[in-house]
Amino acid sequence: IHHGREYQVMTNSPIFDKQLAITEYWNQIGGTVMLPGTNRAADRFVRASFYINAVPKTADPLEAVAVVLGVVRNASVPYGIT
């Protein structure tokens, strides 16, 4: 189990070390060019990791909530989809 502030994103599978390797691959491509778009956990992890580090940082609590919700919505699977 991974615990700490340095862990900002989590998904079901694959194991965390493999998720980090996949994320590093996509970091080399560049998230502004292309990101994986399937509902697979690894793809959702990559999108969430990219966006949480790319979005503007703000001290405004309402804006911060809006930013985080945007990241979560981008990486989540709609209710009822399996």
N, C-alpha and C. Protein backbone atom coordinates (compact mmCIF):
# COMPACT_ATOMS: atom_id res chain seq x y z
N ILE A 1 0.85 -1.17 0.00
CA ILE A 1 0.00 0.00 0.00
C ILE A 1 0.90 1.23 0.00
N HIS A 2 0.55 2.18 -0.84
CA HIS A 2 1.31 3.42 -0.95
C HIS A 2 0.52 4.52 -0.24
N HIS A 3 1.20 5.25 0.63
CA HIS A 3 0.52 6.29 1.40
C HIS A 3 1.46 7.48 1.53
N GLY A 4 0.95 8.65 1.28
CA GLY A 4 1.74 9.87 1.45
C GLY A 4 1.28 10.93 0.47
N ARG A 5 1.69 12.15 0.72
CA ARG A 5 1.29 13.27 -0.13
C ARG A 5 1.83 13.16 -1.55
N GLU A 6 2.92 12.42 -1.73
CA GLU A 6 3.48 12.29 -3.07
C GLU A 6 2.63 11.42 -3.99
N TYR A 7 1.69 10.68 -3.42
CA TYR A 7 0.79 9.84 -4.22
C TYR A 7 -0.49 10.61 -4.46
N GLN A 8 -0.63 11.18 -5.66
CA GLN A 8 -1.77 12.04 -5.97
C GLN A 8 -2.85 11.33 -6.75
N VAL A 9 -2.52 10.21 -7.39
CA VAL A 9 -3.46 9.52 -8.27
C VAL A 9 -3.42 8.04 -7.94
N MET A 10 -4.60 7.40 -8.00
CA MET A 10 -4.64 5.95 -7.80
C MET A 10 -5.73 5.35 -8.68
N THR A 11 -5.51 4.12 -9.10
CA THR A 11 -6.51 3.34 -9.82
C THR A 11 -6.39 1.90 -9.37
N ASN A 12 -7.21 1.04 -9.93
CA ASN A 12 -7.27 -0.35 -9.50
C ASN A 12 -6.02 -1.15 -9.90
N SER A 13 -5.68 -1.11 -11.15
CA SER A 13 -4.58 -1.92 -11.66
C SER A 13 -4.00 -1.22 -12.88
N PRO A 14 -2.83 -1.55 -13.32
CA PRO A 14 -1.89 -2.54 -12.82
C PRO A 14 -1.20 -2.04 -11.54
N ILE A 15 -0.19 -2.77 -11.07
CA ILE A 15 0.49 -2.37 -9.84
C ILE A 15 1.08 -0.97 -10.03
N PHE A 16 1.28 -0.29 -8.92
CA PHE A 16 1.67 1.12 -8.94
C PHE A 16 2.95 1.35 -9.73
N ASP A 17 3.96 0.49 -9.55
CA ASP A 17 5.22 0.68 -10.27
C ASP A 17 5.01 0.62 -11.78
N LYS A 18 4.14 -0.26 -12.23
CA LYS A 18 3.86 -0.35 -13.67
C LYS A 18 3.10 0.89 -14.14
N GLN A 19 2.19 1.39 -13.31
CA GLN A 19 1.48 2.61 -13.67
C GLN A 19 2.45 3.78 -13.83
N LEU A 20 3.44 3.85 -12.95
CA LEU A 20 4.44 4.92 -13.06
C LEU A 20 5.24 4.80 -14.35
N ALA A 21 5.58 3.56 -14.74
CA ALA A 21 6.32 3.35 -15.99
C ALA A 21 5.47 3.75 -17.20
N ILE A 22 4.20 3.40 -17.19
CA ILE A 22 3.30 3.78 -18.28
C ILE A 22 3.17 5.30 -18.34
N THR A 23 3.05 5.93 -17.18
CA THR A 23 2.94 7.38 -17.12
C THR A 23 4.19 8.04 -17.68
N GLU A 24 5.35 7.49 -17.35
CA GLU A 24 6.61 8.05 -17.87
C GLU A 24 6.66 7.96 -19.39
N TYR A 25 6.17 6.87 -19.95
CA TYR A 25 6.10 6.73 -21.40
C TYR A 25 5.27 7.87 -22.00
N TRP A 26 4.10 8.11 -21.43
CA TRP A 26 3.22 9.16 -21.95
C TRP A 26 3.78 10.55 -21.69
N ASN A 27 4.55 10.72 -20.62
CA ASN A 27 5.19 12.01 -20.36
C ASN A 27 6.18 12.35 -21.47
N GLN A 28 6.85 11.33 -22.01
CA GLN A 28 7.79 11.54 -23.11
C GLN A 28 7.07 12.01 -24.37
N ILE A 29 5.86 11.52 -24.59
CA ILE A 29 5.06 11.93 -25.74
C ILE A 29 4.55 13.35 -25.54
N GLY A 30 4.14 13.64 -24.34
CA GLY A 30 3.62 14.97 -24.02
C GLY A 30 2.11 14.98 -23.99
N GLY A 31 1.54 15.28 -22.84
CA GLY A 31 0.10 15.23 -22.67
C GLY A 31 -0.67 16.25 -23.47
N THR A 32 -0.01 17.32 -23.90
CA THR A 32 -0.72 18.29 -24.72
C THR A 32 -0.84 17.84 -26.17
N VAL A 33 -0.07 16.81 -26.53
CA VAL A 33 -0.12 16.27 -27.89
C VAL A 33 -1.15 15.15 -27.97
N MET A 34 -1.07 14.21 -27.01
CA MET A 34 -1.94 13.05 -27.05
C MET A 34 -1.91 12.34 -25.69
N LEU A 35 -3.06 11.86 -25.26
CA LEU A 35 -3.17 11.05 -24.05
C LEU A 35 -4.05 9.84 -24.37
N PRO A 36 -3.85 8.72 -23.65
CA PRO A 36 -4.71 7.57 -23.89
C PRO A 36 -6.14 7.87 -23.44
N GLY A 37 -7.11 7.34 -24.15
CA GLY A 37 -8.49 7.73 -23.87
C GLY A 37 -9.46 6.62 -23.55
N THR A 38 -8.97 5.42 -23.24
CA THR A 38 -9.91 4.34 -22.94
C THR A 38 -10.35 4.39 -21.49
N ASN A 39 -11.25 3.49 -21.12
CA ASN A 39 -11.71 3.37 -19.73
C ASN A 39 -10.83 2.46 -18.90
N ARG A 40 -9.76 1.93 -19.48
CA ARG A 40 -8.85 1.06 -18.72
C ARG A 40 -8.21 1.85 -17.58
N ALA A 41 -7.96 1.17 -16.48
CA ALA A 41 -7.39 1.82 -15.30
C ALA A 41 -6.07 2.51 -15.61
N ALA A 42 -5.20 1.85 -16.38
CA ALA A 42 -3.90 2.44 -16.70
C ALA A 42 -4.05 3.75 -17.48
N ASP A 43 -4.99 3.78 -18.42
CA ASP A 43 -5.22 5.00 -19.21
C ASP A 43 -5.79 6.12 -18.34
N ARG A 44 -6.71 5.76 -17.45
CA ARG A 44 -7.28 6.76 -16.55
C ARG A 44 -6.22 7.32 -15.63
N PHE A 45 -5.30 6.46 -15.16
CA PHE A 45 -4.20 6.88 -14.30
C PHE A 45 -3.32 7.91 -15.03
N VAL A 46 -3.00 7.62 -16.29
CA VAL A 46 -2.16 8.53 -17.07
C VAL A 46 -2.83 9.89 -17.22
N ARG A 47 -4.11 9.88 -17.58
CA ARG A 47 -4.83 11.15 -17.77
C ARG A 47 -4.88 11.95 -16.46
N ALA A 48 -5.24 11.28 -15.37
CA ALA A 48 -5.32 11.98 -14.08
C ALA A 48 -3.96 12.52 -13.66
N SER A 49 -2.91 11.71 -13.84
CA SER A 49 -1.56 12.16 -13.47
C SER A 49 -1.14 13.38 -14.28
N PHE A 50 -1.41 13.35 -15.58
CA PHE A 50 -1.04 14.50 -16.41
C PHE A 50 -1.81 15.74 -15.99
N TYR A 51 -3.13 15.62 -15.91
CA TYR A 51 -3.95 16.81 -15.65
C TYR A 51 -3.73 17.38 -14.26
N ILE A 52 -3.54 16.54 -13.24
CA ILE A 52 -3.38 17.06 -11.89
C ILE A 52 -2.09 17.88 -11.78
N ASN A 53 -1.11 17.55 -12.62
CA ASN A 53 0.14 18.31 -12.62
C ASN A 53 0.14 19.45 -13.62
N ALA A 54 -0.81 19.47 -14.55
CA ALA A 54 -0.85 20.51 -15.59
C ALA A 54 -1.80 21.65 -15.27
N VAL A 55 -2.80 21.39 -14.44
CA VAL A 55 -3.79 22.42 -14.14
C VAL A 55 -3.17 23.55 -13.32
N PRO A 56 -3.74 24.75 -13.42
CA PRO A 56 -3.19 25.87 -12.65
C PRO A 56 -3.38 25.66 -11.14
N LYS A 57 -2.38 26.03 -10.38
CA LYS A 57 -2.48 25.99 -8.92
C LYS A 57 -3.13 27.28 -8.47
N THR A 58 -3.97 27.18 -7.45
CA THR A 58 -4.68 28.36 -6.98
C THR A 58 -4.87 28.31 -5.47
N ALA A 59 -4.90 29.47 -4.86
CA ALA A 59 -5.18 29.57 -3.43
C ALA A 59 -6.67 29.74 -3.17
N ASP A 60 -7.44 29.98 -4.21
CA ASP A 60 -8.89 30.16 -4.08
C ASP A 60 -9.55 28.79 -3.90
N PRO A 61 -10.17 28.53 -2.75
CA PRO A 61 -10.75 27.21 -2.48
C PRO A 61 -11.82 26.79 -3.50
N LEU A 62 -12.66 27.70 -3.92
CA LEU A 62 -13.71 27.34 -4.88
C LEU A 62 -13.11 26.99 -6.24
N GLU A 63 -12.12 27.75 -6.65
CA GLU A 63 -11.46 27.46 -7.92
C GLU A 63 -10.71 26.13 -7.83
N ALA A 64 -10.07 25.86 -6.69
CA ALA A 64 -9.35 24.60 -6.50
C ALA A 64 -10.29 23.41 -6.61
N VAL A 65 -11.47 23.51 -6.02
CA VAL A 65 -12.46 22.43 -6.12
C VAL A 65 -12.88 22.23 -7.57
N ALA A 66 -13.11 23.31 -8.28
CA ALA A 66 -13.50 23.21 -9.69
C ALA A 66 -12.41 22.54 -10.52
N VAL A 67 -11.17 22.90 -10.25
CA VAL A 67 -10.04 22.32 -10.98
C VAL A 67 -9.94 20.82 -10.71
N VAL A 68 -10.01 20.43 -9.45
CA VAL A 68 -9.90 19.01 -9.10
C VAL A 68 -11.08 18.22 -9.66
N LEU A 69 -12.27 18.77 -9.59
CA LEU A 69 -13.43 18.07 -10.16
C LEU A 69 -13.27 17.87 -11.66
N GLY A 70 -12.67 18.84 -12.34
CA GLY A 70 -12.42 18.69 -13.77
C GLY A 70 -11.48 17.53 -14.05
N VAL A 71 -10.45 17.37 -13.22
CA VAL A 71 -9.51 16.25 -13.38
C VAL A 71 -10.22 14.93 -13.12
N VAL A 72 -10.97 14.86 -12.03
CA VAL A 72 -11.68 13.63 -11.67
C VAL A 72 -12.68 13.25 -12.76
N ARG A 73 -13.41 14.20 -13.25
CA ARG A 73 -14.40 13.91 -14.30
C ARG A 73 -13.73 13.43 -15.57
N ASN A 74 -12.56 13.95 -15.88
CA ASN A 74 -11.86 13.53 -17.08
C ASN A 74 -11.36 12.09 -16.98
N ALA A 75 -11.04 11.65 -15.77
CA ALA A 75 -10.47 10.32 -15.60
C ALA A 75 -11.49 9.28 -15.14
N SER A 76 -12.69 9.69 -14.80
CA SER A 76 -13.67 8.74 -14.27
C SER A 76 -14.44 8.04 -15.38
N VAL A 77 -15.05 6.94 -15.01
CA VAL A 77 -15.92 6.18 -15.92
C VAL A 77 -17.36 6.52 -15.56
N PRO A 78 -18.18 6.86 -16.52
CA PRO A 78 -19.57 7.21 -16.21
C PRO A 78 -20.30 6.08 -15.48
N TYR A 79 -21.18 6.46 -14.59
CA TYR A 79 -21.98 5.50 -13.83
C TYR A 79 -22.70 4.55 -14.78
N GLY A 80 -22.64 3.28 -14.46
CA GLY A 80 -23.33 2.28 -15.26
C GLY A 80 -22.47 1.64 -16.34
N ILE A 81 -21.29 2.20 -16.60
CA ILE A 81 -20.37 1.64 -17.59
C ILE A 81 -19.39 0.74 -16.86
N THR A 82 -19.23 -0.46 -17.35
CA THR A 82 -18.28 -1.38 -16.69
C THR A 82 -17.18 -1.79 -17.62
